[in-house]
Amino acid sequence: MNLTLISAIVLLAAWMVVLFVAHVGSGPVQLLYAAAVVLFARRVVVGRRGFLS
């Protein structure tokens, strides 16, 4: 796992907590979700760097 994937998972978890547990409505909270989706998409498109020997 790399930093992009870890940060996407953390942002998605934070979005779930803020939206479903804290019951904060839409608006700036959706930026967490958007950032998580962008990071996941970046991870899929760019891929994982292999080991350089």
PDB file of N, CA and C in Angstrom:
ATOM      1  N   MET A   1       0.852  -1.183   0.000  1.00  0.00           N
ATOM      2  CA  MET A   1       0.000   0.000   0.000  1.00  0.00           C
ATOM      3  C   MET A   1       0.892   1.237   0.000  1.00  0.00           C
ATOM      4  N   ASN A   2       0.449   2.233  -0.687  1.00  0.00           N
ATOM      5  CA  ASN A   2       1.230   3.451  -0.710  1.00  0.00           C
ATOM      6  C   ASN A   2       0.442   4.594  -0.071  1.00  0.00           C
ATOM      7  N   LEU A   3       1.042   5.749  -0.054  1.00  0.00           N
ATOM      8  CA  LEU A   3       0.459   6.896   0.630  1.00  0.00           C
ATOM      9  C   LEU A   3      -0.852   7.351  -0.004  1.00  0.00           C
ATOM     10  N   THR A   4      -0.966   7.260  -1.320  1.00  0.00           N
ATOM     11  CA  THR A   4      -2.198   7.670  -1.999  1.00  0.00           C
ATOM     12  C   THR A   4      -3.369   6.800  -1.583  1.00  0.00           C
ATOM     13  N   LEU A   5      -3.162   5.503  -1.558  1.00  0.00           N
ATOM     14  CA  LEU A   5      -4.234   4.582  -1.186  1.00  0.00           C
ATOM     15  C   LEU A   5      -4.616   4.738   0.285  1.00  0.00           C
ATOM     16  N   ILE A   6      -3.630   4.887   1.145  1.00  0.00           N
ATOM     17  CA  ILE A   6      -3.910   5.064   2.572  1.00  0.00           C
ATOM     18  C   ILE A   6      -4.676   6.356   2.822  1.00  0.00           C
ATOM     19  N   SER A   7      -4.269   7.435   2.160  1.00  0.00           N
ATOM     20  CA  SER A   7      -4.961   8.706   2.366  1.00  0.00           C
ATOM     21  C   SER A   7      -6.382   8.661   1.803  1.00  0.00           C
ATOM     22  N   ALA A   8      -6.600   7.944   0.712  1.00  0.00           N
ATOM     23  CA  ALA A   8      -7.950   7.806   0.170  1.00  0.00           C
ATOM     24  C   ALA A   8      -8.849   7.042   1.136  1.00  0.00           C
ATOM     25  N   ILE A   9      -8.329   5.998   1.745  1.00  0.00           N
ATOM     26  CA  ILE A   9      -9.112   5.227   2.712  1.00  0.00           C
ATOM     27  C   ILE A   9      -9.411   6.055   3.953  1.00  0.00           C
ATOM     28  N   VAL A  10      -8.437   6.831   4.406  1.00  0.00           N
ATOM     29  CA  VAL A  10      -8.649   7.691   5.576  1.00  0.00           C
ATOM     30  C   VAL A  10      -9.694   8.763   5.282  1.00  0.00           C
ATOM     31  N   LEU A  11      -9.618   9.384   4.108  1.00  0.00           N
ATOM     32  CA  LEU A  11     -10.608  10.402   3.743  1.00  0.00           C
ATOM     33  C   LEU A  11     -12.007   9.794   3.629  1.00  0.00           C
ATOM     34  N   LEU A  12     -12.102   8.613   3.067  1.00  0.00           N
ATOM     35  CA  LEU A  12     -13.413   7.957   2.944  1.00  0.00           C
ATOM     36  C   LEU A  12     -13.972   7.603   4.313  1.00  0.00           C
ATOM     37  N   ALA A  13     -13.129   7.138   5.213  1.00  0.00           N
ATOM     38  CA  ALA A  13     -13.580   6.826   6.570  1.00  0.00           C
ATOM     39  C   ALA A  13     -14.006   8.097   7.302  1.00  0.00           C
ATOM     40  N   ALA A  14     -13.250   9.177   7.133  1.00  0.00           N
ATOM     41  CA  ALA A  14     -13.622  10.450   7.763  1.00  0.00           C
ATOM     42  C   ALA A  14     -14.951  10.950   7.211  1.00  0.00           C
ATOM     43  N   TRP A  15     -15.164  10.785   5.907  1.00  0.00           N
ATOM     44  CA  TRP A  15     -16.433  11.196   5.303  1.00  0.00           C
ATOM     45  C   TRP A  15     -17.600  10.408   5.893  1.00  0.00           C
ATOM     46  N   MET A  16     -17.418   9.102   6.047  1.00  0.00           N
ATOM     47  CA  MET A  16     -18.482   8.273   6.619  1.00  0.00           C
ATOM     48  C   MET A  16     -18.792   8.680   8.057  1.00  0.00           C
ATOM     49  N   VAL A  17     -17.753   8.935   8.835  1.00  0.00           N
ATOM     50  CA  VAL A  17     -17.964   9.317  10.234  1.00  0.00           C
ATOM     51  C   VAL A  17     -18.679  10.654  10.320  1.00  0.00           C
ATOM     52  N   VAL A  18     -18.233  11.623   9.552  1.00  0.00           N
ATOM     53  CA  VAL A  18     -18.835  12.957   9.617  1.00  0.00           C
ATOM     54  C   VAL A  18     -20.267  12.927   9.097  1.00  0.00           C
ATOM     55  N   LEU A  19     -20.515  12.195   8.032  1.00  0.00           N
ATOM     56  CA  LEU A  19     -21.844  12.196   7.424  1.00  0.00           C
ATOM     57  C   LEU A  19     -22.846  11.346   8.208  1.00  0.00           C
ATOM     58  N   PHE A  20     -22.458  10.140   8.608  1.00  0.00           N
ATOM     59  CA  PHE A  20     -23.420   9.223   9.201  1.00  0.00           C
ATOM     60  C   PHE A  20     -23.435   9.239  10.729  1.00  0.00           C
ATOM     61  N   VAL A  21     -22.324   9.564  11.352  1.00  0.00           N
ATOM     62  CA  VAL A  21     -22.279   9.565  12.816  1.00  0.00           C
ATOM     63  C   VAL A  21     -22.560  10.951  13.364  1.00  0.00           C
ATOM     64  N   ALA A  22     -21.904  11.962  12.807  1.00  0.00           N
ATOM     65  CA  ALA A  22     -22.090  13.323  13.297  1.00  0.00           C
ATOM     66  C   ALA A  22     -23.318  13.985  12.682  1.00  0.00           C
ATOM     67  N   HIS A  23     -23.905  13.392  11.649  1.00  0.00           N
ATOM     68  CA  HIS A  23     -25.112  13.896  10.982  1.00  0.00           C
ATOM     69  C   HIS A  23     -24.944  15.322  10.473  1.00  0.00           C
ATOM     70  N   VAL A  24     -23.771  15.595   9.909  1.00  0.00           N
ATOM     71  CA  VAL A  24     -23.548  16.883   9.261  1.00  0.00           C
ATOM     72  C   VAL A  24     -24.041  16.729   7.834  1.00  0.00           C
ATOM     73  N   GLY A  25     -24.806  17.683   7.371  1.00  0.00           N
ATOM     74  CA  GLY A  25     -25.412  17.584   6.041  1.00  0.00           C
ATOM     75  C   GLY A  25     -24.416  17.758   4.926  1.00  0.00           C
ATOM     76  N   SER A  26     -24.958  17.856   3.733  1.00  0.00           N
ATOM     77  CA  SER A  26     -24.098  17.995   2.567  1.00  0.00           C
ATOM     78  C   SER A  26     -23.459  19.373   2.532  1.00  0.00           C
ATOM     79  N   GLY A  27     -22.553  19.535   1.632  1.00  0.00           N
ATOM     80  CA  GLY A  27     -21.822  20.794   1.527  1.00  0.00           C
ATOM     81  C   GLY A  27     -20.342  20.517   1.576  1.00  0.00           C
ATOM     82  N   PRO A  28     -19.639  21.193   2.451  1.00  0.00           N
ATOM     83  CA  PRO A  28     -18.192  20.991   2.529  1.00  0.00           C
ATOM     84  C   PRO A  28     -17.797  19.556   2.899  1.00  0.00           C
ATOM     85  N   VAL A  29     -18.707  18.830   3.516  1.00  0.00           N
ATOM     86  CA  VAL A  29     -18.415  17.439   3.880  1.00  0.00           C
ATOM     87  C   VAL A  29     -18.186  16.600   2.627  1.00  0.00           C
ATOM     88  N   GLN A  30     -18.876  16.939   1.550  1.00  0.00           N
ATOM     89  CA  GLN A  30     -18.747  16.171   0.317  1.00  0.00           C
ATOM     90  C   GLN A  30     -17.376  16.338  -0.323  1.00  0.00           C
ATOM     91  N   LEU A  31     -16.625  17.353   0.088  1.00  0.00           N
ATOM     92  CA  LEU A  31     -15.264  17.511  -0.415  1.00  0.00           C
ATOM     93  C   LEU A  31     -14.370  16.367   0.047  1.00  0.00           C
ATOM     94  N   LEU A  32     -14.643  15.827   1.232  1.00  0.00           N
ATOM     95  CA  LEU A  32     -13.897  14.653   1.690  1.00  0.00           C
ATOM     96  C   LEU A  32     -14.126  13.469   0.751  1.00  0.00           C
ATOM     97  N   TYR A  33     -15.389  13.271   0.379  1.00  0.00           N
ATOM     98  CA  TYR A  33     -15.740  12.185  -0.527  1.00  0.00           C
ATOM     99  C   TYR A  33     -15.113  12.405  -1.903  1.00  0.00           C
ATOM    100  N   ALA A  34     -15.178  13.630  -2.399  1.00  0.00           N
ATOM    101  CA  ALA A  34     -14.609  13.936  -3.710  1.00  0.00           C
ATOM    102  C   ALA A  34     -13.097  13.722  -3.713  1.00  0.00           C
ATOM    103  N   ALA A  35     -12.425  14.133  -2.659  1.00  0.00           N
ATOM    104  CA  ALA A  35     -10.974  13.948  -2.580  1.00  0.00           C
ATOM    105  C   ALA A  35     -10.625  12.464  -2.528  1.00  0.00           C
ATOM    106  N   ALA A  36     -11.413  11.681  -1.800  1.00  0.00           N
ATOM    107  CA  ALA A  36     -11.172  10.240  -1.721  1.00  0.00           C
ATOM    108  C   ALA A  36     -11.342   9.582  -3.089  1.00  0.00           C
ATOM    109  N   VAL A  37     -12.371   9.974  -3.826  1.00  0.00           N
ATOM    110  CA  VAL A  37     -12.606   9.398  -5.154  1.00  0.00           C
ATOM    111  C   VAL A  37     -11.488   9.780  -6.115  1.00  0.00           C
ATOM    112  N   VAL A  38     -11.025  11.021  -6.040  1.00  0.00           N
ATOM    113  CA  VAL A  38      -9.931  11.450  -6.910  1.00  0.00           C
ATOM    114  C   VAL A  38      -8.659  10.663  -6.599  1.00  0.00           C
ATOM    115  N   LEU A  39      -8.386  10.435  -5.319  1.00  0.00           N
ATOM    116  CA  LEU A  39      -7.187   9.676  -4.962  1.00  0.00           C
ATOM    117  C   LEU A  39      -7.290   8.219  -5.384  1.00  0.00           C
ATOM    118  N   PHE A  40      -8.492   7.627  -5.241  1.00  0.00           N
ATOM    119  CA  PHE A  40      -8.674   6.253  -5.716  1.00  0.00           C
ATOM    120  C   PHE A  40      -8.480   6.174  -7.232  1.00  0.00           C
ATOM    121  N   ALA A  41      -9.042   7.140  -7.956  1.00  0.00           N
ATOM    122  CA  ALA A  41      -8.901   7.152  -9.415  1.00  0.00           C
ATOM    123  C   ALA A  41      -7.444   7.341  -9.812  1.00  0.00           C
ATOM    124  N   ARG A  42      -6.736   8.196  -9.097  1.00  0.00           N
ATOM    125  CA  ARG A  42      -5.315   8.394  -9.377  1.00  0.00           C
ATOM    126  C   ARG A  42      -4.543   7.106  -9.151  1.00  0.00           C
ATOM    127  N   ARG A  43      -4.915   6.386  -8.110  1.00  0.00           N
ATOM    128  CA  ARG A  43      -4.253   5.116  -7.795  1.00  0.00           C
ATOM    129  C   ARG A  43      -4.497   4.094  -8.913  1.00  0.00           C
ATOM    130  N   VAL A  44      -5.718   4.063  -9.443  1.00  0.00           N
ATOM    131  CA  VAL A  44      -6.053   3.107 -10.491  1.00  0.00           C
ATOM    132  C   VAL A  44      -5.351   3.479 -11.803  1.00  0.00           C
ATOM    133  N   VAL A  45      -5.341   4.765 -12.148  1.00  0.00           N
ATOM    134  CA  VAL A  45      -4.769   5.184 -13.417  1.00  0.00           C
ATOM    135  C   VAL A  45      -3.238   5.102 -13.391  1.00  0.00           C
ATOM    136  N   VAL A  46      -2.637   5.629 -12.344  1.00  0.00           N
ATOM    137  CA  VAL A  46      -1.177   5.660 -12.274  1.00  0.00           C
ATOM    138  C   VAL A  46      -0.614   4.291 -11.924  1.00  0.00           C
ATOM    139  N   GLY A  47      -1.288   3.588 -11.033  1.00  0.00           N
ATOM    140  CA  GLY A  47      -0.821   2.271 -10.630  1.00  0.00           C
ATOM    141  C   GLY A  47       0.162   2.348  -9.495  1.00  0.00           C
ATOM    142  N   ARG A  48       0.735   1.210  -9.190  1.00  0.00           N
ATOM    143  CA  ARG A  48       1.679   1.109  -8.090  1.00  0.00           C
ATOM    144  C   ARG A  48       3.082   1.076  -8.651  1.00  0.00           C
ATOM    145  N   ARG A  49       3.959   1.824  -8.021  1.00  0.00           N
ATOM    146  CA  ARG A  49       5.353   1.796  -8.455  1.00  0.00           C
ATOM    147  C   ARG A  49       5.997   0.500  -7.983  1.00  0.00           C
ATOM    148  N   GLY A  50       6.736  -0.103  -8.861  1.00  0.00           N
ATOM    149  CA  GLY A  50       7.442  -1.326  -8.517  1.00  0.00           C
ATOM    150  C   GLY A  50       8.765  -1.022  -7.846  1.00  0.00           C
ATOM    151  N   PHE A  51       9.395  -2.051  -7.389  1.00  0.00           N
ATOM    152  CA  PHE A  51      10.695  -1.893  -6.762  1.00  0.00           C
ATOM    153  C   PHE A  51      11.749  -1.677  -7.846  1.00  0.00           C
ATOM    154  N   LEU A  52      12.604  -0.731  -7.633  1.00  0.00           N
ATOM    155  CA  LEU A  52      13.695  -0.486  -8.561  1.00  0.00           C
ATOM    156  C   LEU A  52      14.958  -1.111  -8.003  1.00  0.00           C
ATOM    157  N   SER A  53      15.593  -1.948  -8.794  1.00  0.00           N
ATOM    158  CA  SER A  53      16.810  -2.587  -8.297  1.00  0.00           C
ATOM    159  C   SER A  53      18.015  -2.191  -9.127  1.00  0.00           C
TER     160      SER A  53
END
